[in-house]
Amino acid sequence: MMHKVMLIDDDVPMLKVLQQMIEWDSLNLHVVGSTYSSTKAMQMFQETSPDIVITDIGIPQKSGIELATIFRQQKPDTRVIFLTCHEDFHYAQQAVKLNADDYLLKDKLTAEQLEQSLVKSIRLLKSKPMAIEQEVSNYNRELFKQGLLQKAMSGAHAKSTVGYAAQLGISWDYPWFMLGLVHIQYSSYATHYTKSNLPLIYYAIYNIAIEVSAFYEGITPFVEQGHLVILYNYRLDLAHNASSRMQSYMQELCYKCCEFLKLQVSLLVMPDKLELGTLGSAYHQLVQEKKEFYKAKDLKVIDRNDLQQHVFFPMPQGFLDPYKSDLERAILKNDQEVMKSIVSRIEMTAEESRIEPVELVRELSMTLRSMELMFSRWKSNEEIYVYLSSARSLKDVMTLVLRKLEHIAQYRQQGSGPVIKEPKLQVIQQYIDQHLSDNITSIDIARYLYLNSSYFSRYFKRLTGINFTDYVHQYKMKIATNMLKSSSQSLESLAMGLGYSDRTYFSKVFKKYVGTTPSEYKTRNATHRSIK
């Protein structure tokens, strides 16, 4: 029997790698579709009804985990194999309880590993329908639980919401609620994981939160995109301090995350007595306004008075200008002590001025990008800009900024260094230059060099510090920025010339590595030229 397979990865070259890696027909498998878009993936799933889905976890809009949930709703016997970039993935595997057939490391993936995972999926397709029913039941309960959170936050009728909770075995018998939020500290996260693993790691934290809540009556954790929500339903009791109990739970969760996932988390508690109908407004204010941004402790307490106060101020024009020339000199000298001192001064001034967090992060990100374009080679880590925009504290933001500056200084453009002197890298660079209009993959270059593709991937990452796909994208985006400044050709023509047959995908890649869309970049540079 021929089984149908669908491939999903937001990196188009990886899709090509997967298709080239094995002889699908020999396993009685047929690839019925591949896509880099979660929206297209949902449409393609309905049209092709695949038996096996291989998906990257870190897909924009909807993660691979969310897609797997949707697919299992529509077709309960669908088998799922997750792809990830994270090398220390065992941390997550110890804590997370997802019903996937396998987790494969993209950078170390071999044909043998892929075949073994697919054989396992085929075997599971042919056996144990009862196990599949149990999986679907677990997924459905989580979906109903998400529905409960939505009802609680939307201000639905309290009696209806409490009844809905009771159907899920959750007792909300008391009139008062306490609200908590759990966010990852990204300066801690970035040392162990990659951005593509974020959804999975939040599910890992959620499972830890569930286990800890078994010892705290009235506490119910929920997982949302980018954070956890903790609701504590309690009664007024002079013998027990509800706020202390809530904080004790949060601190134990923090300890467990550090122990099992090697992660620091940021904890936020609103200790006020909240009625069910007022949870939504308090929650949305906490999430959107980052009122805790300048509080130094990992466990921050925010009451409703804090929410009412106007605690942030607009960023002064040219706020970072006095620091830029000193930063440039420190990068040129790779003087880490000076960089730390400058970052510390910026942090202190921002805290004294209580600058609006979004404006501060935007200005810091623009400064880092300008430094990177000025000094850096091809070792950019774009994930840091996502972490900066998501960070919930000044301490986390400035730690990420310092780390990025140190990285730029380490790989600054001045001097060739050992990477450029490596003869094989020069050969690889020549190959890329000769095939700019092609969709080059690590398999293509491995064949050109007569190397095993898995060995080449490991070798290249050791040589350059990044994987081959990122290297090619960054190289092409450097060319694209220069072309947009000087060439009058259309975006479609430029995309085709650099091997991107889809203008939408080209724009997506450009924004990832440059920080803006091609059209915005071209307009901005045209404006600068006219001013000059």
Protein backbone atom coordinates (compact mmCIF):
# COMPACT_ATOMS: atom_id res chain seq x y z
CA MET A 1 0.00 0.00 0.00
CA MET A 2 1.37 3.45 -0.97
CA HIS A 3 1.21 6.00 1.89
CA LYS A 4 1.03 9.74 1.30
CA VAL A 5 3.51 12.16 2.91
CA MET A 6 3.38 15.95 3.31
CA LEU A 7 6.47 18.08 4.08
CA ILE A 8 6.33 21.43 5.93
CA ASP A 9 9.29 23.73 6.62
CA ASP A 10 9.53 27.51 6.42
CA ASP A 11 12.98 27.07 4.85
CA VAL A 12 12.43 26.12 1.18
CA PRO A 13 15.93 24.59 0.68
CA MET A 14 15.21 22.19 3.56
CA LEU A 15 12.15 20.93 1.69
CA LYS A 16 14.38 20.18 -1.27
CA VAL A 17 16.88 18.40 0.99
CA LEU A 18 14.16 16.16 2.40
CA GLN A 19 12.87 15.25 -1.06
CA GLN A 20 16.38 14.41 -2.29
CA MET A 21 17.55 12.56 0.80
CA ILE A 22 15.85 9.18 0.25
CA GLU A 23 14.14 7.09 -2.41
CA TRP A 24 10.56 7.54 -1.27
CA ASP A 25 9.11 4.96 -3.67
CA SER A 26 11.27 2.21 -2.17
CA LEU A 27 9.38 2.68 1.13
CA ASN A 28 6.01 2.75 -0.64
CA LEU A 29 5.74 6.44 0.15
CA HIS A 30 4.65 9.28 -2.12
CA VAL A 31 5.28 12.97 -1.32
CA VAL A 32 1.94 14.58 -2.20
CA GLY A 33 2.89 18.11 -1.27
CA SER A 34 5.41 20.42 0.39
CA THR A 35 5.08 23.99 1.63
CA TYR A 36 6.81 26.66 3.74
CA SER A 37 3.52 28.26 4.87
CA SER A 38 1.32 27.06 7.73
CA THR A 39 -1.72 28.56 5.99
CA LYS A 40 -0.97 26.65 2.78
CA ALA A 41 -0.23 23.55 4.84
CA MET A 42 -3.76 23.49 6.27
CA GLN A 43 -5.25 23.89 2.80
CA MET A 44 -2.92 21.25 1.34
CA PHE A 45 -3.79 18.81 4.13
CA GLN A 46 -7.48 19.01 3.26
CA GLU A 47 -6.76 18.57 -0.44
CA THR A 48 -4.29 15.66 -0.19
CA SER A 49 -5.22 13.94 3.13
CA PRO A 50 -1.68 12.67 3.85
CA ASP A 51 -0.97 9.73 6.13
CA ILE A 52 2.33 11.11 7.43
CA VAL A 53 3.31 14.74 8.05
CA ILE A 54 6.94 15.79 8.51
CA THR A 55 6.98 19.33 9.89
CA ASP A 56 9.42 21.80 11.36
CA ILE A 57 8.30 22.93 14.82
CA GLY A 58 9.11 26.62 14.30
CA ILE A 59 6.68 27.57 11.52
CA PRO A 60 5.47 31.22 11.59
CA GLN A 61 1.80 31.97 12.33
CA LYS A 62 0.99 28.41 13.46
CA SER A 63 3.73 26.23 14.89
CA GLY A 64 4.30 22.63 13.85
CA ILE A 65 2.73 21.55 17.15
CA GLU A 66 -0.43 23.56 16.44
CA LEU A 67 -0.60 22.18 12.90
CA ALA A 68 -0.27 18.63 14.23
CA THR A 69 -3.21 19.29 16.57
CA ILE A 70 -5.36 20.57 13.69
CA PHE A 71 -4.40 17.67 11.42
CA ARG A 72 -5.21 15.11 14.11
CA GLN A 73 -8.64 16.69 14.57
CA GLN A 74 -9.37 16.31 10.87
CA LYS A 75 -7.76 12.89 10.45
CA PRO A 76 -7.07 11.14 13.78
CA ASP A 77 -4.71 8.48 12.41
CA THR A 78 -2.25 11.00 10.91
CA ARG A 79 1.32 10.29 11.96
CA VAL A 80 3.61 13.24 12.75
CA ILE A 81 7.41 13.57 12.67
CA PHE A 82 8.87 16.83 14.03
CA LEU A 83 12.01 18.53 12.74
CA THR A 84 14.14 20.73 15.00
CA CYS A 85 17.50 22.54 14.87
CA HIS A 86 18.30 22.16 18.56
CA GLU A 87 21.31 20.00 19.43
CA ASP A 88 20.48 19.57 23.14
CA PHE A 89 16.93 18.51 22.46
CA HIS A 90 16.98 15.88 25.20
CA TYR A 91 16.13 18.63 27.71
CA ALA A 92 12.78 19.14 26.04
CA GLN A 93 12.19 15.44 25.42
CA GLN A 94 12.48 14.72 29.14
CA ALA A 95 9.66 17.12 29.98
CA VAL A 96 7.34 17.36 27.00
CA LYS A 97 4.65 14.78 26.31
CA LEU A 98 3.69 15.17 22.68
CA ASN A 99 2.47 12.24 20.67
CA ALA A 100 4.88 12.52 17.76
CA ASP A 101 6.52 9.49 16.17
CA ASP A 102 9.97 11.09 16.25
CA TYR A 103 12.01 14.30 16.68
CA LEU A 104 14.78 14.74 14.10
CA LEU A 105 17.69 17.18 14.31
CA LYS A 106 17.94 18.96 10.97
CA ASP A 107 21.65 19.73 11.19
CA LYS A 108 22.51 16.08 11.89
CA LEU A 109 19.80 14.39 9.86
CA THR A 110 20.88 11.39 7.78
CA ALA A 111 19.00 9.33 5.21
CA GLU A 112 19.12 6.36 7.60
CA GLN A 113 17.50 8.35 10.43
CA LEU A 114 14.77 9.66 8.17
CA GLU A 115 14.03 6.16 6.83
CA GLN A 116 13.91 4.70 10.35
CA SER A 117 11.41 7.34 11.47
CA LEU A 118 9.24 6.77 8.41
CA VAL A 119 9.28 2.98 8.90
CA LYS A 120 8.14 3.56 12.49
CA SER A 121 5.29 5.79 11.27
CA ILE A 122 4.22 3.19 8.70
CA ARG A 123 4.17 0.50 11.39
CA LEU A 124 2.05 2.70 13.67
CA LEU A 125 -0.36 3.43 10.82
CA LYS A 126 -1.05 -0.28 10.61
CA SER A 127 -1.55 -0.92 14.32
CA LYS A 128 -3.30 0.06 17.56
CA PRO A 129 -6.35 2.12 16.62
CA MET A 130 -7.16 2.33 20.35
CA ALA A 131 -3.91 4.21 20.95
CA ILE A 132 -4.87 6.68 18.26
CA GLU A 133 -8.24 7.25 19.92
CA GLN A 134 -6.47 7.97 23.19
CA GLU A 135 -4.18 10.49 21.48
CA VAL A 136 -7.16 12.27 19.96
CA SER A 137 -8.90 12.31 23.34
CA ASN A 138 -5.89 14.00 24.94
CA TYR A 139 -5.67 16.57 22.16
CA ASN A 140 -9.39 17.30 22.39
CA ARG A 141 -9.16 17.90 26.13
CA GLU A 142 -6.43 20.46 25.56
CA LEU A 143 -8.56 22.15 22.92
CA PHE A 144 -11.52 22.29 25.31
CA LYS A 145 -9.21 23.68 27.97
CA GLN A 146 -8.15 26.45 25.58
CA GLY A 147 -11.86 27.12 25.09
CA LEU A 148 -12.22 27.49 28.86
CA LEU A 149 -9.46 30.10 28.96
CA GLN A 150 -11.11 32.02 26.14
CA LYS A 151 -14.43 32.00 27.98
CA ALA A 152 -12.77 33.17 31.19
CA MET A 153 -10.95 36.00 29.43
CA SER A 154 -13.85 37.10 27.25
CA GLY A 155 -16.11 37.93 30.20
CA ALA A 156 -18.63 35.17 29.41
CA HIS A 157 -21.40 34.51 31.95
CA ALA A 158 -19.70 33.29 35.15
CA LYS A 159 -22.11 30.41 35.76
CA SER A 160 -21.63 29.12 32.21
CA THR A 161 -17.83 29.33 32.50
CA VAL A 162 -17.76 27.55 35.88
CA GLY A 163 -19.98 24.80 34.42
CA TYR A 164 -17.69 24.45 31.41
CA ALA A 165 -14.72 24.09 33.78
CA ALA A 166 -16.55 21.41 35.79
CA GLN A 167 -16.98 19.32 32.61
CA LEU A 168 -13.18 19.27 32.32
CA GLY A 169 -12.77 18.25 35.97
CA ILE A 170 -11.67 21.75 37.02
CA SER A 171 -13.39 23.06 40.17
CA TRP A 172 -13.83 26.81 40.31
CA ASP A 173 -16.01 26.85 43.40
CA TYR A 174 -14.84 30.12 44.93
CA PRO A 175 -15.60 33.72 43.87
CA TRP A 176 -12.02 35.01 43.73
CA PHE A 177 -9.19 34.51 41.27
CA MET A 178 -5.51 35.40 41.23
CA LEU A 179 -3.68 35.80 37.91
CA GLY A 180 -0.13 34.85 36.99
CA LEU A 181 1.97 34.89 33.80
CA VAL A 182 5.10 32.89 32.97
CA HIS A 183 7.51 34.08 30.27
CA ILE A 184 10.85 32.73 29.16
CA GLN A 185 13.94 34.84 29.81
CA TYR A 186 15.42 34.83 26.33
CA SER A 187 19.01 35.53 27.35
CA SER A 188 18.82 32.19 29.18
CA TYR A 189 16.88 30.47 26.40
CA ALA A 190 19.32 31.47 23.62
CA THR A 191 22.23 29.66 25.28
CA HIS A 192 20.44 26.28 25.10
CA TYR A 193 17.80 26.38 22.36
CA THR A 194 16.93 27.85 18.98
CA LYS A 195 13.88 29.87 17.99
CA SER A 196 12.30 26.93 16.13
CA ASN A 197 11.95 25.09 19.46
CA LEU A 198 10.02 27.84 21.26
CA PRO A 199 6.54 26.27 20.91
CA LEU A 200 7.86 22.92 22.07
CA ILE A 201 9.68 24.41 25.06
CA TYR A 202 6.54 26.26 26.14
CA TYR A 203 4.69 22.94 26.04
CA ALA A 204 7.51 21.49 28.17
CA ILE A 205 7.07 24.31 30.72
CA TYR A 206 3.31 23.75 30.59
CA ASN A 207 3.71 20.07 31.43
CA ILE A 208 5.94 20.96 34.36
CA ALA A 209 3.33 23.51 35.48
CA ILE A 210 0.63 20.81 35.35
CA GLU A 211 2.72 18.44 37.46
CA VAL A 212 3.49 21.10 40.08
CA SER A 213 -0.17 22.21 40.23
CA ALA A 214 -1.15 18.74 41.50
CA PHE A 215 0.17 19.87 44.92
CA TYR A 216 -1.60 23.25 44.87
CA GLU A 217 -5.38 23.05 45.06
CA GLY A 218 -7.19 25.61 42.93
CA ILE A 219 -4.33 26.38 40.52
CA THR A 220 -4.89 25.76 36.80
CA PRO A 221 -2.17 26.38 34.18
CA PHE A 222 -2.91 27.23 30.54
CA VAL A 223 -0.48 27.49 27.64
CA GLU A 224 -0.80 30.42 25.25
CA GLN A 225 1.43 31.52 22.39
CA GLY A 226 4.51 33.05 23.98
CA HIS A 227 3.60 32.56 27.66
CA LEU A 228 1.72 30.53 30.27
CA VAL A 229 -1.35 31.76 32.12
CA ILE A 230 -1.82 30.63 35.73
CA LEU A 231 -5.24 31.02 37.34
CA TYR A 232 -5.67 30.46 41.07
CA ASN A 233 -9.25 30.06 42.30
CA TYR A 234 -9.37 30.59 46.07
CA ARG A 235 -11.50 31.60 49.03
CA LEU A 236 -10.69 34.17 51.69
CA ASP A 237 -9.20 32.32 54.64
CA LEU A 238 -7.44 34.06 57.50
CA ALA A 239 -5.50 30.87 58.22
CA HIS A 240 -3.89 30.78 54.78
CA ASN A 241 -2.27 33.57 52.77
CA ALA A 242 -3.46 33.04 49.17
CA SER A 243 -0.89 35.44 47.71
CA SER A 244 1.98 33.59 49.41
CA ARG A 245 0.62 30.27 48.16
CA MET A 246 0.44 31.56 44.60
CA GLN A 247 3.98 32.93 44.78
CA SER A 248 5.20 29.66 46.28
CA TYR A 249 3.73 27.77 43.30
CA MET A 250 5.35 30.15 40.82
CA GLN A 251 8.75 29.88 42.50
CA GLU A 252 8.59 26.08 42.50
CA LEU A 253 7.74 26.17 38.79
CA CYS A 254 10.72 28.47 38.23
CA TYR A 255 13.01 26.04 40.06
CA LYS A 256 11.75 23.05 38.04
CA CYS A 257 12.26 24.89 34.73
CA CYS A 258 15.84 25.59 35.71
CA GLU A 259 16.39 21.99 36.83
CA PHE A 260 14.84 20.18 33.87
CA LEU A 261 15.11 22.65 30.99
CA LYS A 262 18.14 24.74 32.06
CA LEU A 263 15.93 27.82 31.66
CA GLN A 264 15.26 30.96 33.66
CA VAL A 265 11.66 32.16 33.50
CA SER A 266 10.11 35.49 34.33
CA LEU A 267 7.14 35.31 36.74
CA LEU A 268 4.41 37.90 37.08
CA VAL A 269 1.65 37.75 39.70
CA MET A 270 -1.38 39.98 40.18
CA PRO A 271 -2.39 39.39 43.83
CA ASP A 272 -5.64 41.39 43.71
CA LYS A 273 -8.98 39.69 44.31
CA LEU A 274 -10.26 39.31 40.76
CA GLU A 275 -13.77 38.20 39.88
CA LEU A 276 -14.24 35.94 36.87
CA GLY A 277 -15.70 38.80 34.86
CA THR A 278 -12.68 41.06 35.40
CA LEU A 279 -9.96 38.52 34.55
CA GLY A 280 -9.91 39.40 30.84
CA SER A 281 -9.19 43.11 31.14
CA ALA A 282 -6.47 42.55 33.75
CA TYR A 283 -4.87 39.80 31.65
CA HIS A 284 -4.77 41.83 28.44
CA GLN A 285 -3.24 44.80 30.23
CA LEU A 286 -0.54 42.62 31.78
CA VAL A 287 0.36 41.00 28.45
CA GLN A 288 0.34 44.11 26.29
CA GLU A 289 1.81 46.84 28.49
CA LYS A 290 4.88 45.15 30.08
CA LYS A 291 4.33 47.09 33.31
CA GLU A 292 6.94 44.86 35.00
CA PHE A 293 9.70 45.82 32.52
CA TYR A 294 11.83 47.82 34.99
CA LYS A 295 11.33 45.54 38.00
CA ALA A 296 14.58 43.70 38.71
CA LYS A 297 13.34 40.50 40.39
CA ASP A 298 12.43 37.33 38.49
CA LEU A 299 9.14 37.15 40.44
CA LYS A 300 7.32 40.45 39.98
CA VAL A 301 4.11 41.49 41.71
CA ILE A 302 1.83 43.95 39.90
CA ASP A 303 -1.44 45.13 41.42
CA ARG A 304 -4.28 47.03 39.79
CA ASN A 305 -2.90 50.36 41.02
CA ASP A 306 0.24 49.69 38.96
CA LEU A 307 -1.93 49.03 35.91
CA GLN A 308 -3.69 52.38 36.30
CA GLN A 309 -0.48 54.40 36.53
CA HIS A 310 1.28 55.86 33.50
CA VAL A 311 4.71 54.42 34.24
CA PHE A 312 6.54 54.85 30.89
CA PHE A 313 7.67 57.90 28.93
CA PRO A 314 8.49 58.47 25.23
CA MET A 315 12.08 57.93 24.17
CA PRO A 316 14.03 61.19 23.79
CA GLN A 317 15.09 61.87 20.21
CA GLY A 318 18.62 60.61 19.53
CA PHE A 319 18.70 58.74 22.86
CA LEU A 320 21.39 56.29 21.67
CA ASP A 321 23.45 58.75 19.58
CA PRO A 322 25.95 59.58 22.38
CA TYR A 323 26.86 55.91 22.69
CA LYS A 324 27.26 54.88 19.05
CA SER A 325 30.78 56.14 18.31
CA ASP A 326 32.09 54.59 21.55
CA LEU A 327 30.42 51.31 20.63
CA GLU A 328 31.99 51.34 17.16
CA ARG A 329 35.47 51.81 18.65
CA ALA A 330 34.86 49.05 21.20
CA ILE A 331 33.75 46.67 18.43
CA LEU A 332 36.84 47.48 16.33
CA LYS A 333 39.08 46.71 19.31
CA ASN A 334 36.89 43.81 20.50
CA ASP A 335 37.05 45.44 23.93
CA GLN A 336 34.41 43.54 25.90
CA GLU A 337 34.91 45.52 29.12
CA VAL A 338 34.15 48.79 27.33
CA MET A 339 31.11 47.23 25.64
CA LYS A 340 29.80 46.07 29.04
CA SER A 341 30.35 49.54 30.46
CA ILE A 342 28.45 51.23 27.58
CA VAL A 343 25.57 48.76 27.76
CA SER A 344 25.41 49.26 31.53
CA ARG A 345 25.20 53.05 31.05
CA ILE A 346 22.41 52.67 28.49
CA GLU A 347 20.55 50.36 30.87
CA MET A 348 20.91 52.76 33.78
CA THR A 349 19.75 55.76 31.74
CA ALA A 350 16.79 53.87 30.29
CA GLU A 351 15.73 52.78 33.77
CA GLU A 352 16.04 56.30 35.20
CA SER A 353 14.05 57.72 32.27
CA ARG A 354 11.57 54.80 32.28
CA ILE A 355 11.48 54.78 28.51
CA GLU A 356 8.56 53.04 26.82
CA PRO A 357 9.81 49.42 26.34
CA VAL A 358 8.68 48.98 22.72
CA GLU A 359 10.42 52.20 21.65
CA LEU A 360 13.59 51.27 23.53
CA VAL A 361 13.77 47.79 21.98
CA ARG A 362 13.07 49.16 18.50
CA GLU A 363 15.90 51.71 18.79
CA LEU A 364 18.32 49.12 20.21
CA SER A 365 17.48 46.68 17.40
CA MET A 366 18.07 49.34 14.73
CA THR A 367 21.42 50.21 16.30
CA LEU A 368 22.49 46.58 16.40
CA ARG A 369 21.52 46.10 12.76
CA SER A 370 23.52 49.14 11.69
CA MET A 371 26.56 47.85 13.63
CA GLU A 372 26.13 44.45 12.05
CA LEU A 373 25.98 45.81 8.51
CA MET A 374 29.07 47.90 9.24
CA PHE A 375 31.27 45.23 10.83
CA SER A 376 29.89 41.71 10.70
CA ARG A 377 30.74 38.85 8.38
CA TRP A 378 28.21 36.09 7.57
CA LYS A 379 27.56 34.94 11.11
CA SER A 380 24.41 36.88 11.92
CA ASN A 381 22.00 35.33 14.41
CA GLU A 382 18.63 36.76 13.42
CA GLU A 383 16.86 35.02 16.28
CA ILE A 384 18.08 37.64 18.72
CA TYR A 385 15.81 40.30 17.18
CA VAL A 386 12.79 38.10 17.84
CA TYR A 387 13.95 37.56 21.41
CA LEU A 388 14.46 41.29 21.93
CA SER A 389 10.91 42.12 20.87
CA SER A 390 9.50 39.39 23.14
CA ALA A 391 11.65 40.03 26.24
CA ARG A 392 9.72 41.18 29.30
CA SER A 393 12.46 42.85 31.33
CA LEU A 394 15.18 45.46 30.85
CA LYS A 395 17.76 43.04 32.27
CA ASP A 396 16.89 40.40 29.67
CA VAL A 397 16.98 42.96 26.82
CA MET A 398 20.35 44.41 27.76
CA THR A 399 21.92 40.97 28.25
CA LEU A 400 20.82 40.06 24.72
CA VAL A 401 22.16 43.38 23.37
CA LEU A 402 25.56 42.85 24.97
CA ARG A 403 25.76 39.30 23.64
CA LYS A 404 24.99 40.53 20.12
CA LEU A 405 27.62 43.27 20.30
CA GLU A 406 30.22 40.75 21.46
CA HIS A 407 29.26 38.50 18.56
CA ILE A 408 29.62 41.34 16.04
CA ALA A 409 33.03 42.24 17.47
CA GLN A 410 34.18 38.64 17.35
CA TYR A 411 33.30 38.23 13.67
CA ARG A 412 33.81 41.78 12.49
CA GLN A 413 34.60 42.35 8.82
CA GLN A 414 38.06 43.79 9.41
CA GLY A 415 40.76 41.22 8.50
CA SER A 416 40.23 37.91 6.78
CA GLY A 417 40.76 35.56 9.70
CA PRO A 418 40.97 31.75 9.53
CA VAL A 419 37.51 31.29 8.05
CA ILE A 420 38.32 33.10 4.80
CA LYS A 421 41.73 31.44 4.53
CA GLU A 422 40.13 27.99 4.59
CA PRO A 423 40.59 26.70 0.99
CA LYS A 424 37.45 24.56 0.97
CA LEU A 425 35.31 27.54 1.99
CA GLN A 426 36.69 29.47 -0.97
CA VAL A 427 35.59 26.60 -3.24
CA ILE A 428 32.14 26.64 -1.64
CA GLN A 429 31.94 30.41 -2.11
CA GLN A 430 32.84 30.08 -5.80
CA TYR A 431 30.14 27.44 -6.23
CA ILE A 432 27.54 29.73 -4.66
CA ASP A 433 28.62 32.62 -6.90
CA GLN A 434 28.31 30.40 -10.00
CA HIS A 435 24.83 29.18 -8.97
CA LEU A 436 23.25 32.34 -7.57
CA SER A 437 20.07 31.79 -9.57
CA ASP A 438 19.68 28.24 -8.24
CA ASN A 439 18.04 26.99 -5.06
CA ILE A 440 21.29 25.60 -3.58
CA THR A 441 21.10 23.00 -0.80
CA SER A 442 23.72 21.31 1.35
CA ILE A 443 23.12 18.12 -0.66
CA ASP A 444 24.05 19.95 -3.90
CA ILE A 445 27.33 21.27 -2.51
CA ALA A 446 28.14 17.96 -0.76
CA ARG A 447 27.81 16.16 -4.09
CA TYR A 448 30.00 18.80 -5.75
CA LEU A 449 32.69 18.22 -3.11
CA TYR A 450 32.21 14.41 -3.17
CA LEU A 451 31.29 14.41 0.52
CA ASN A 452 28.61 12.68 2.53
CA SER A 453 25.82 15.26 3.01
CA SER A 454 25.55 14.70 6.79
CA TYR A 455 29.31 15.03 7.20
CA PHE A 456 29.31 18.20 5.08
CA SER A 457 26.57 19.80 7.24
CA ARG A 458 28.55 19.16 10.43
CA TYR A 459 31.82 20.25 8.79
CA PHE A 460 30.33 23.49 7.47
CA LYS A 461 28.78 24.46 10.79
CA ARG A 462 32.08 23.79 12.55
CA LEU A 463 33.86 25.92 9.94
CA THR A 464 31.55 28.93 9.91
CA GLY A 465 29.43 28.76 13.07
CA ILE A 466 26.12 28.63 11.18
CA ASN A 467 24.36 26.08 9.00
CA PHE A 468 24.73 26.11 5.23
CA THR A 469 21.21 27.31 4.48
CA ASP A 470 21.60 30.40 6.70
CA TYR A 471 24.97 31.13 5.11
CA VAL A 472 23.51 31.05 1.57
CA HIS A 473 20.49 33.18 2.56
CA GLN A 474 22.66 35.78 4.27
CA TYR A 475 25.08 35.92 1.33
CA LYS A 476 22.23 36.41 -1.14
CA MET A 477 20.57 39.06 1.05
CA LYS A 478 23.83 41.05 1.14
CA ILE A 479 23.78 41.00 -2.67
CA ALA A 480 20.09 41.93 -2.66
CA THR A 481 20.64 44.99 -0.45
CA ASN A 482 23.37 46.26 -2.77
CA MET A 483 21.21 45.64 -5.84
CA LEU A 484 18.24 47.45 -4.31
CA LYS A 485 20.44 50.49 -3.73
CA SER A 486 21.82 50.66 -7.27
CA SER A 487 19.63 48.64 -9.64
CA SER A 488 16.30 49.59 -11.19
CA GLN A 489 15.19 46.00 -11.86
CA SER A 490 11.89 44.78 -10.40
CA LEU A 491 11.66 42.75 -7.21
CA GLU A 492 10.42 39.76 -9.24
CA SER A 493 13.48 39.92 -11.47
CA LEU A 494 15.84 40.33 -8.49
CA ALA A 495 14.22 37.40 -6.66
CA MET A 496 14.50 35.15 -9.73
CA GLY A 497 18.14 36.12 -10.23
CA LEU A 498 18.95 35.04 -6.70
CA GLY A 499 17.15 31.71 -6.93
CA TYR A 500 13.83 32.65 -5.30
CA SER A 501 11.04 31.71 -7.68
CA ASP A 502 8.39 33.09 -5.30
CA ARG A 503 8.48 36.84 -4.58
CA THR A 504 6.60 36.30 -1.31
CA TYR A 505 9.21 33.86 -0.08
CA PHE A 506 12.03 36.19 -1.19
CA SER A 507 10.43 39.05 0.78
CA LYS A 508 10.06 36.79 3.83
CA VAL A 509 13.74 35.78 3.72
CA PHE A 510 14.84 39.39 3.09
CA LYS A 511 12.90 40.67 6.11
CA LYS A 512 14.31 37.89 8.30
CA TYR A 513 17.93 38.79 7.55
CA VAL A 514 17.71 42.54 6.87
CA GLY A 515 14.91 43.53 9.24
CA THR A 516 12.62 45.17 6.69
CA THR A 517 10.83 44.25 3.46
CA PRO A 518 12.59 44.77 0.10
CA SER A 519 10.13 47.52 -0.86
CA GLU A 520 10.65 49.38 2.42
CA TYR A 521 14.42 49.02 2.10
CA LYS A 522 14.42 50.35 -1.46
CA THR A 523 12.17 53.31 -0.56
CA ARG A 524 14.26 54.22 2.48
CA ASN A 525 17.52 54.21 0.52
CA ALA A 526 15.96 56.20 -2.32
CA THR A 527 14.88 58.81 0.28
CA HIS A 528 18.40 58.95 1.74
CA ARG A 529 19.91 59.51 -1.73
CA SER A 530 17.47 62.34 -2.53
CA ILE A 531 18.26 64.07 0.79
CA LYS A 532 21.98 63.91 0.07
